Amino acid sequence: MRTFLPEWAPQDAILMAFPTKHTDWEYIIDDARDQYARIIRAFTDEKVKVVLLCHDRSEAEKALENCDLNLVTFIECEYNDTWTRDYGPISIIKNDRLRALDFGFNGWGLKFASDKDNLANLNLSNTSVLLPRTYRNERDFVLEGGSVETDGEGTILTTTRCLCSPNRNGGLSKKEVEVQLQHRLGADHVLFLDHGALEGDDTDSHIDTLARMAPGNIIMFTGCRNIDDSQFEELLKMRAQLTLFRNAEGEPFNLIELPLPDPIYDEDGCRLPATYANYLITDNVIFVPTYKQPANDMLAMQTIKIAFPDHKIVGVDCTTLIKQHGSLHCATMQIPHNIFNPEIYDRQL
């Protein structure tokens, strides 16, 4: 029996990758490093441990001089980009034992180079960062961490655009995807969103930009109240479909609407996929992306507090991160207890 762990399961650390000149951050490398330093500072201020992939440890340490480096483990390795959500290990429980699943990653449907990202989990296993016997090779199936949400009880929420994409696994049908999720993640109830898309999104509608599961039979979702917004119709259709969804017991979900950030554009005038749904859950704190929009940022944090009343809510400015079409959740992957070797936190690799 397999159970896909929800993000609110107990954690040891957050996996991230440091921006380097070999990534798409090169054109704004100083801003990017400052952005990551601010994120990691927010984590370490709340005593959240970070495992940081980097090309050059000394370079990364220098950029993080204002962080508590006692809570940061540096691992030198190669990678194409910094979006660890989509190539980091996906954690399940199989027969009462934790497993770190290494799914295939092909640059969001062959859009970007991904050869080094696709080997990141194998490298973690080969360097004993992953505990022995936890690593499982699932790279015959392409699956990104940002494309699936779970309640930890067998229900998975995802999107048709992403998981049925022809450039991921050859354009599988919903039924075929469902069979794969059942076999690999233990899903016994799969919900496919057919609507919902953000302009500028390279991921083919990752679920973590649109709707997130939370304890108490809750789904938080990105809404849009401005009828003149170009995203209004798609998000309205998504909302309508969410109202029709039922959990494994046949009950409707408790829906909580998140605000939509005001439009943010790149230097070419193209809209970027800013969303508050891209928050990160840790044991005691929810870290929420903010975009220098005080009213929207505050409303988003207050709204998320409704679903997580016992968590502290901390906003993290992600105005640089969004320039590469991702946000806070995209740049992080939670590491549950007993997946990573505890010695790595003491013997800085």
Protein backbone atom coordinates (compact mmCIF):
# COMPACT_ATOMS: atom_id res chain seq x y z
CA MET A 1 0.00 0.00 0.00
CA ARG A 2 1.28 3.46 -0.94
CA THR A 3 0.33 6.84 0.51
CA PHE A 4 1.41 10.14 -1.05
CA LEU A 5 2.40 12.40 1.84
CA PRO A 6 0.66 15.78 2.10
CA GLU A 7 2.80 18.89 2.45
CA TRP A 8 1.73 19.32 6.07
CA ALA A 9 3.28 15.98 7.10
CA PRO A 10 6.20 16.43 9.57
CA GLN A 11 9.33 17.75 7.87
CA ASP A 12 13.08 17.89 8.40
CA ALA A 13 14.11 20.53 5.86
CA ILE A 14 13.42 22.39 2.62
CA LEU A 15 15.35 21.53 -0.55
CA MET A 16 16.44 24.48 -2.72
CA ALA A 17 19.01 25.21 -5.44
CA PHE A 18 21.16 28.34 -5.52
CA PRO A 19 21.10 30.56 -8.66
CA THR A 20 24.29 30.42 -10.69
CA LYS A 21 25.51 31.92 -13.95
CA HIS A 22 24.87 28.56 -15.58
CA THR A 23 21.10 28.94 -15.09
CA ASP A 24 18.45 31.18 -16.63
CA TRP A 25 19.10 33.62 -13.79
CA GLU A 26 22.37 34.80 -15.37
CA TYR A 27 20.92 38.05 -16.76
CA ILE A 28 19.87 39.17 -13.24
CA ILE A 29 22.20 36.98 -11.20
CA ASP A 30 22.81 39.47 -8.38
CA ASP A 31 19.09 40.13 -7.93
CA ALA A 32 18.41 36.40 -8.05
CA ARG A 33 20.95 35.62 -5.37
CA ASP A 34 19.56 38.38 -3.20
CA GLN A 35 16.07 36.92 -3.72
CA TYR A 36 17.17 33.46 -2.62
CA ALA A 37 19.07 34.90 0.33
CA ARG A 38 15.90 36.66 1.49
CA ILE A 39 13.88 33.47 1.18
CA ILE A 40 16.44 31.41 3.08
CA ARG A 41 16.74 34.14 5.71
CA ALA A 42 12.97 33.96 6.20
CA PHE A 43 13.25 30.19 6.66
CA THR A 44 16.19 30.22 9.05
CA ASP A 45 14.65 33.05 11.09
CA GLU A 46 11.80 30.59 11.76
CA LYS A 47 14.28 27.75 12.49
CA VAL A 48 13.44 25.91 9.27
CA LYS A 49 16.41 23.93 7.96
CA VAL A 50 17.48 24.26 4.32
CA VAL A 51 19.38 21.80 2.15
CA LEU A 52 20.88 23.93 -0.61
CA LEU A 53 22.19 22.56 -3.89
CA CYS A 54 24.97 24.79 -5.22
CA HIS A 55 27.70 24.81 -7.85
CA ASP A 56 30.19 26.58 -5.56
CA ARG A 57 29.72 26.41 -1.80
CA SER A 58 31.91 29.41 -0.99
CA GLU A 59 29.94 31.54 -3.45
CA ALA A 60 26.66 30.47 -1.88
CA GLU A 61 27.91 30.99 1.66
CA LYS A 62 28.98 34.53 0.84
CA ALA A 63 25.54 35.37 -0.52
CA LEU A 64 23.89 33.95 2.61
CA GLU A 65 26.07 35.71 5.17
CA ASN A 66 23.01 37.21 6.89
CA CYS A 67 21.37 33.80 7.34
CA ASP A 68 21.90 31.31 10.14
CA LEU A 69 24.25 28.99 8.29
CA ASN A 70 23.99 26.44 11.09
CA LEU A 71 20.59 25.65 9.58
CA VAL A 72 21.83 25.42 5.97
CA THR A 73 23.42 22.30 4.48
CA PHE A 74 25.36 22.94 1.26
CA ILE A 75 25.58 20.19 -1.35
CA GLU A 76 27.73 20.85 -4.41
CA CYS A 77 26.27 19.33 -7.56
CA GLU A 78 25.19 20.23 -11.08
CA TYR A 79 21.69 21.30 -12.12
CA ASN A 80 20.08 23.18 -14.98
CA ASP A 81 17.81 25.42 -12.96
CA THR A 82 16.58 26.19 -9.46
CA TRP A 83 12.97 24.91 -9.46
CA THR A 84 13.42 22.01 -7.03
CA ARG A 85 9.67 21.54 -6.63
CA ASP A 86 9.58 19.87 -10.01
CA TYR A 87 12.67 17.68 -9.91
CA GLY A 88 13.11 17.06 -6.20
CA PRO A 89 12.03 13.74 -4.62
CA ILE A 90 8.31 13.08 -4.14
CA SER A 91 7.76 11.31 -0.83
CA ILE A 92 5.39 8.44 -0.12
CA ILE A 93 4.87 5.79 2.54
CA LYS A 94 4.95 2.24 1.19
CA ASN A 95 4.20 -0.60 3.60
CA ASP A 96 4.92 1.70 6.55
CA ARG A 97 8.32 2.77 5.16
CA LEU A 98 9.19 6.11 3.62
CA ARG A 99 10.28 6.23 0.00
CA ALA A 100 11.76 9.07 -2.06
CA LEU A 101 10.46 8.69 -5.61
CA ASP A 102 12.60 9.98 -8.46
CA PHE A 103 10.24 10.72 -11.33
CA GLY A 104 11.28 11.77 -14.80
CA PHE A 105 11.71 15.49 -15.43
CA ASN A 106 11.88 16.81 -18.99
CA GLY A 107 11.83 20.59 -18.59
CA TRP A 108 8.05 21.00 -18.38
CA GLY A 109 7.29 19.16 -21.57
CA LEU A 110 10.60 19.63 -23.43
CA LYS A 111 10.55 23.43 -23.12
CA PHE A 112 13.92 23.79 -21.37
CA ALA A 113 17.13 21.84 -20.78
CA SER A 114 16.73 19.37 -17.93
CA ASP A 115 19.41 16.69 -18.24
CA LYS A 116 21.18 17.67 -15.00
CA ASP A 117 17.97 18.36 -13.09
CA ASN A 118 16.78 14.89 -14.03
CA LEU A 119 19.82 13.36 -12.29
CA ALA A 120 19.60 15.44 -9.10
CA ASN A 121 17.80 12.82 -7.00
CA LEU A 122 20.12 10.04 -8.17
CA ASN A 123 23.06 12.23 -7.12
CA LEU A 124 21.46 12.74 -3.71
CA SER A 125 21.16 9.00 -3.36
CA ASN A 126 24.70 8.28 -4.58
CA THR A 127 26.18 10.79 -2.10
CA SER A 128 24.19 9.26 0.80
CA VAL A 129 22.10 12.39 1.29
CA LEU A 130 19.05 10.15 0.94
CA LEU A 131 18.88 7.45 3.56
CA PRO A 132 19.75 3.95 2.30
CA ARG A 133 16.86 2.03 0.75
CA THR A 134 14.61 5.09 0.48
CA TYR A 135 15.44 6.00 -3.14
CA ARG A 136 13.21 4.59 -5.86
CA ASN A 137 13.78 5.16 -9.59
CA GLU A 138 10.47 6.11 -11.25
CA ARG A 139 12.00 8.05 -14.14
CA ASP A 140 10.11 6.06 -16.73
CA PHE A 141 7.16 8.32 -15.87
CA VAL A 142 7.36 12.13 -16.11
CA LEU A 143 5.82 13.81 -13.07
CA GLU A 144 6.60 17.22 -11.55
CA GLY A 145 6.03 17.94 -7.88
CA GLY A 146 4.12 21.12 -8.66
CA SER A 147 1.61 19.20 -10.76
CA VAL A 148 0.02 17.13 -7.98
CA GLU A 149 -1.67 17.93 -4.67
CA THR A 150 -2.91 15.45 -2.08
CA ASP A 151 -4.89 15.36 1.14
CA GLY A 152 -2.73 12.45 2.35
CA GLU A 153 -5.76 10.17 2.36
CA GLY A 154 -5.66 8.89 -1.19
CA THR A 155 -7.09 11.88 -3.05
CA ILE A 156 -4.93 13.64 -5.65
CA LEU A 157 -5.81 16.95 -7.29
CA THR A 158 -4.18 17.79 -10.62
CA THR A 159 -4.83 19.37 -14.02
CA THR A 160 -5.63 17.80 -17.37
CA ARG A 161 -3.45 20.26 -19.30
CA CYS A 162 -0.32 19.14 -17.49
CA LEU A 163 -0.66 15.44 -16.83
CA CYS A 164 -2.28 14.65 -20.18
CA SER A 165 0.25 16.78 -22.08
CA PRO A 166 1.62 15.02 -25.18
CA ASN A 167 5.14 16.20 -24.33
CA ARG A 168 5.20 14.56 -20.90
CA ASN A 169 4.15 10.95 -21.30
CA GLY A 170 2.90 10.86 -24.86
CA GLY A 171 -0.53 12.33 -24.23
CA LEU A 172 -2.07 9.82 -21.85
CA SER A 173 -5.81 9.88 -21.26
CA LYS A 174 -7.20 10.79 -17.84
CA LYS A 175 -7.89 7.13 -17.15
CA GLU A 176 -4.35 6.16 -18.10
CA VAL A 177 -2.92 8.91 -15.87
CA GLU A 178 -5.18 7.79 -13.05
CA VAL A 179 -3.83 4.25 -13.33
CA GLN A 180 -0.27 5.58 -13.12
CA LEU A 181 -1.04 7.73 -10.07
CA GLN A 182 -2.75 4.82 -8.39
CA HIS A 183 0.19 2.50 -9.03
CA ARG A 184 2.96 4.96 -8.17
CA LEU A 185 1.43 7.25 -5.51
CA GLY A 186 -1.38 5.13 -4.09
CA ALA A 187 -4.12 7.41 -5.40
CA ASP A 188 -7.62 6.00 -5.08
CA HIS A 189 -9.45 9.20 -5.97
CA VAL A 190 -8.09 11.53 -8.68
CA LEU A 191 -9.64 14.91 -9.47
CA PHE A 192 -8.71 16.57 -12.77
CA LEU A 193 -9.18 20.31 -13.23
CA ASP A 194 -9.98 20.91 -16.89
CA HIS A 195 -9.94 24.69 -16.54
CA GLY A 196 -7.62 27.23 -15.00
CA ALA A 197 -4.56 28.83 -16.56
CA LEU A 198 -2.34 31.80 -15.76
CA GLU A 199 -0.72 33.88 -18.46
CA GLY A 200 3.04 33.40 -18.62
CA ASP A 201 2.88 29.95 -17.03
CA ASP A 202 5.47 27.59 -18.55
CA THR A 203 4.18 24.53 -16.69
CA ASP A 204 0.92 23.86 -18.55
CA SER A 205 -1.18 24.77 -15.51
CA HIS A 206 0.57 23.27 -12.52
CA ILE A 207 -1.93 22.73 -9.76
CA ASP A 208 0.23 24.64 -7.25
CA THR A 209 -0.49 27.87 -9.14
CA LEU A 210 -4.25 27.30 -9.10
CA ALA A 211 -5.60 25.18 -6.24
CA ARG A 212 -4.17 23.64 -3.08
CA MET A 213 -5.53 21.02 -0.72
CA ALA A 214 -5.57 21.70 3.02
CA PRO A 215 -6.63 19.78 6.14
CA GLY A 216 -10.31 19.75 6.96
CA ASN A 217 -11.52 18.87 3.45
CA ILE A 218 -10.44 22.31 2.18
CA ILE A 219 -9.34 23.43 -1.26
CA MET A 220 -7.79 26.89 -1.53
CA PHE A 221 -8.05 28.27 -5.05
CA THR A 222 -7.01 31.27 -7.11
CA GLY A 223 -10.02 33.44 -7.87
CA CYS A 224 -10.58 36.46 -10.08
CA ARG A 225 -13.24 39.09 -9.42
CA ASN A 226 -12.31 41.46 -12.24
CA ILE A 227 -14.48 40.67 -15.26
CA ASP A 228 -12.09 42.66 -17.47
CA ASP A 229 -9.10 40.52 -16.50
CA SER A 230 -7.97 38.28 -19.37
CA GLN A 231 -7.80 35.36 -16.91
CA PHE A 232 -11.32 35.87 -15.60
CA GLU A 233 -13.14 33.32 -17.76
CA GLU A 234 -10.67 30.47 -17.22
CA LEU A 235 -10.58 30.99 -13.45
CA LEU A 236 -14.36 31.28 -13.30
CA LYS A 237 -14.72 27.94 -15.09
CA MET A 238 -12.20 26.46 -12.68
CA ARG A 239 -14.19 27.71 -9.72
CA ALA A 240 -17.37 26.20 -11.15
CA GLN A 241 -15.68 22.83 -11.59
CA LEU A 242 -14.32 22.92 -8.04
CA THR A 243 -17.86 23.31 -6.70
CA LEU A 244 -18.75 20.03 -8.43
CA PHE A 245 -15.83 18.07 -7.01
CA ARG A 246 -16.45 15.58 -4.21
CA ASN A 247 -14.02 13.93 -1.84
CA ALA A 248 -13.59 10.16 -1.56
CA GLU A 249 -16.64 9.99 0.73
CA GLY A 250 -18.81 11.86 -1.78
CA GLU A 251 -18.84 15.13 0.18
CA PRO A 252 -18.25 18.58 -1.36
CA PHE A 253 -15.08 20.41 -0.47
CA ASN A 254 -14.89 23.53 1.64
CA LEU A 255 -13.69 26.09 -0.91
CA ILE A 256 -11.66 29.14 0.10
CA GLU A 257 -10.89 31.73 -2.57
CA LEU A 258 -7.50 33.41 -2.70
CA PRO A 259 -7.17 36.86 -4.26
CA LEU A 260 -5.42 37.29 -7.58
CA PRO A 261 -2.41 39.62 -7.54
CA ASP A 262 -2.66 42.71 -9.70
CA PRO A 263 -1.01 42.03 -13.10
CA ILE A 264 2.79 41.98 -13.11
CA TYR A 265 4.62 42.29 -16.43
CA ASP A 266 8.14 41.58 -17.61
CA GLU A 267 10.35 44.02 -19.50
CA ASP A 268 8.70 43.01 -22.78
CA GLY A 269 5.21 43.70 -21.50
CA CYS A 270 4.27 40.04 -21.11
CA ARG A 271 2.21 39.11 -18.06
CA LEU A 272 3.88 36.95 -15.41
CA PRO A 273 2.02 34.12 -13.59
CA ALA A 274 1.85 35.68 -10.13
CA THR A 275 -0.33 33.71 -7.70
CA TYR A 276 -0.78 33.41 -3.95
CA ALA A 277 -1.57 29.70 -4.26
CA ASN A 278 2.19 29.12 -4.54
CA TYR A 279 2.69 29.17 -0.76
CA LEU A 280 4.89 26.71 1.18
CA ILE A 281 3.71 24.71 4.18
CA THR A 282 6.22 23.83 6.93
CA ASP A 283 5.65 22.33 10.36
CA ASN A 284 4.75 25.55 12.12
CA VAL A 285 4.84 28.28 9.47
CA ILE A 286 3.15 28.95 6.13
CA PHE A 287 5.42 31.05 3.90
CA VAL A 288 3.36 33.10 1.45
CA PRO A 289 4.72 34.80 -1.69
CA THR A 290 4.11 38.54 -1.76
CA TYR A 291 4.45 40.97 -4.65
CA LYS A 292 4.72 44.47 -3.14
CA GLN A 293 0.93 44.80 -3.29
CA PRO A 294 0.10 45.56 0.37
CA ALA A 295 -3.69 45.12 0.21
CA ASN A 296 -3.59 41.93 -1.88
CA ASP A 297 -0.62 40.50 0.01
CA MET A 298 -2.31 41.02 3.38
CA LEU A 299 -5.63 39.60 2.19
CA ALA A 300 -3.87 36.50 0.85
CA MET A 301 -2.08 35.89 4.15
CA GLN A 302 -5.26 36.41 6.16
CA THR A 303 -7.14 34.03 3.86
CA ILE A 304 -4.53 31.27 4.15
CA LYS A 305 -4.71 31.64 7.95
CA ILE A 306 -8.32 30.47 7.76
CA ALA A 307 -7.21 27.06 6.50
CA PHE A 308 -4.17 26.87 8.80
CA PRO A 309 -5.24 28.55 12.07
CA ASP A 310 -2.44 26.97 14.12
CA HIS A 311 0.35 28.05 11.75
CA LYS A 312 2.22 31.31 11.76
CA ILE A 313 1.85 33.13 8.43
CA VAL A 314 4.99 34.79 7.05
CA GLY A 315 5.09 36.80 3.82
CA VAL A 316 8.15 36.55 1.58
CA ASP A 317 8.70 39.09 -1.21
CA CYS A 318 8.95 37.14 -4.49
CA THR A 319 9.04 39.99 -7.00
CA THR A 320 12.36 38.79 -8.41
CA LEU A 321 11.41 35.12 -8.38
CA ILE A 322 8.33 35.77 -10.52
CA LYS A 323 10.52 37.22 -13.28
CA GLN A 324 11.45 33.64 -14.16
CA HIS A 325 7.78 32.62 -14.17
CA GLY A 326 7.82 30.84 -10.82
CA SER A 327 7.24 31.65 -7.18
CA LEU A 328 7.92 30.38 -3.67
CA HIS A 329 6.47 26.88 -3.85
CA CYS A 330 8.14 26.28 -7.23
CA ALA A 331 11.57 27.07 -5.74
CA THR A 332 11.25 24.68 -2.80
CA MET A 333 10.58 21.02 -1.97
CA GLN A 334 9.76 19.87 1.53
CA ILE A 335 11.76 16.95 2.90
CA PRO A 336 9.78 14.77 5.33
CA HIS A 337 11.27 13.14 8.42
CA ASN A 338 13.43 10.08 7.73
CA ILE A 339 14.07 10.67 4.02
CA PHE A 340 17.39 12.54 4.21
CA ASN A 341 20.32 11.18 6.19
CA PRO A 342 20.33 13.16 9.49
CA GLU A 343 24.14 13.21 9.42
CA ILE A 344 24.13 15.69 6.53
CA TYR A 345 23.02 18.45 8.86
CA ASP A 346 26.16 17.93 10.91
CA ARG A 347 28.76 17.12 8.27
CA GLN A 348 28.05 19.86 5.69
CA LEU A 349 28.76 18.15 2.37
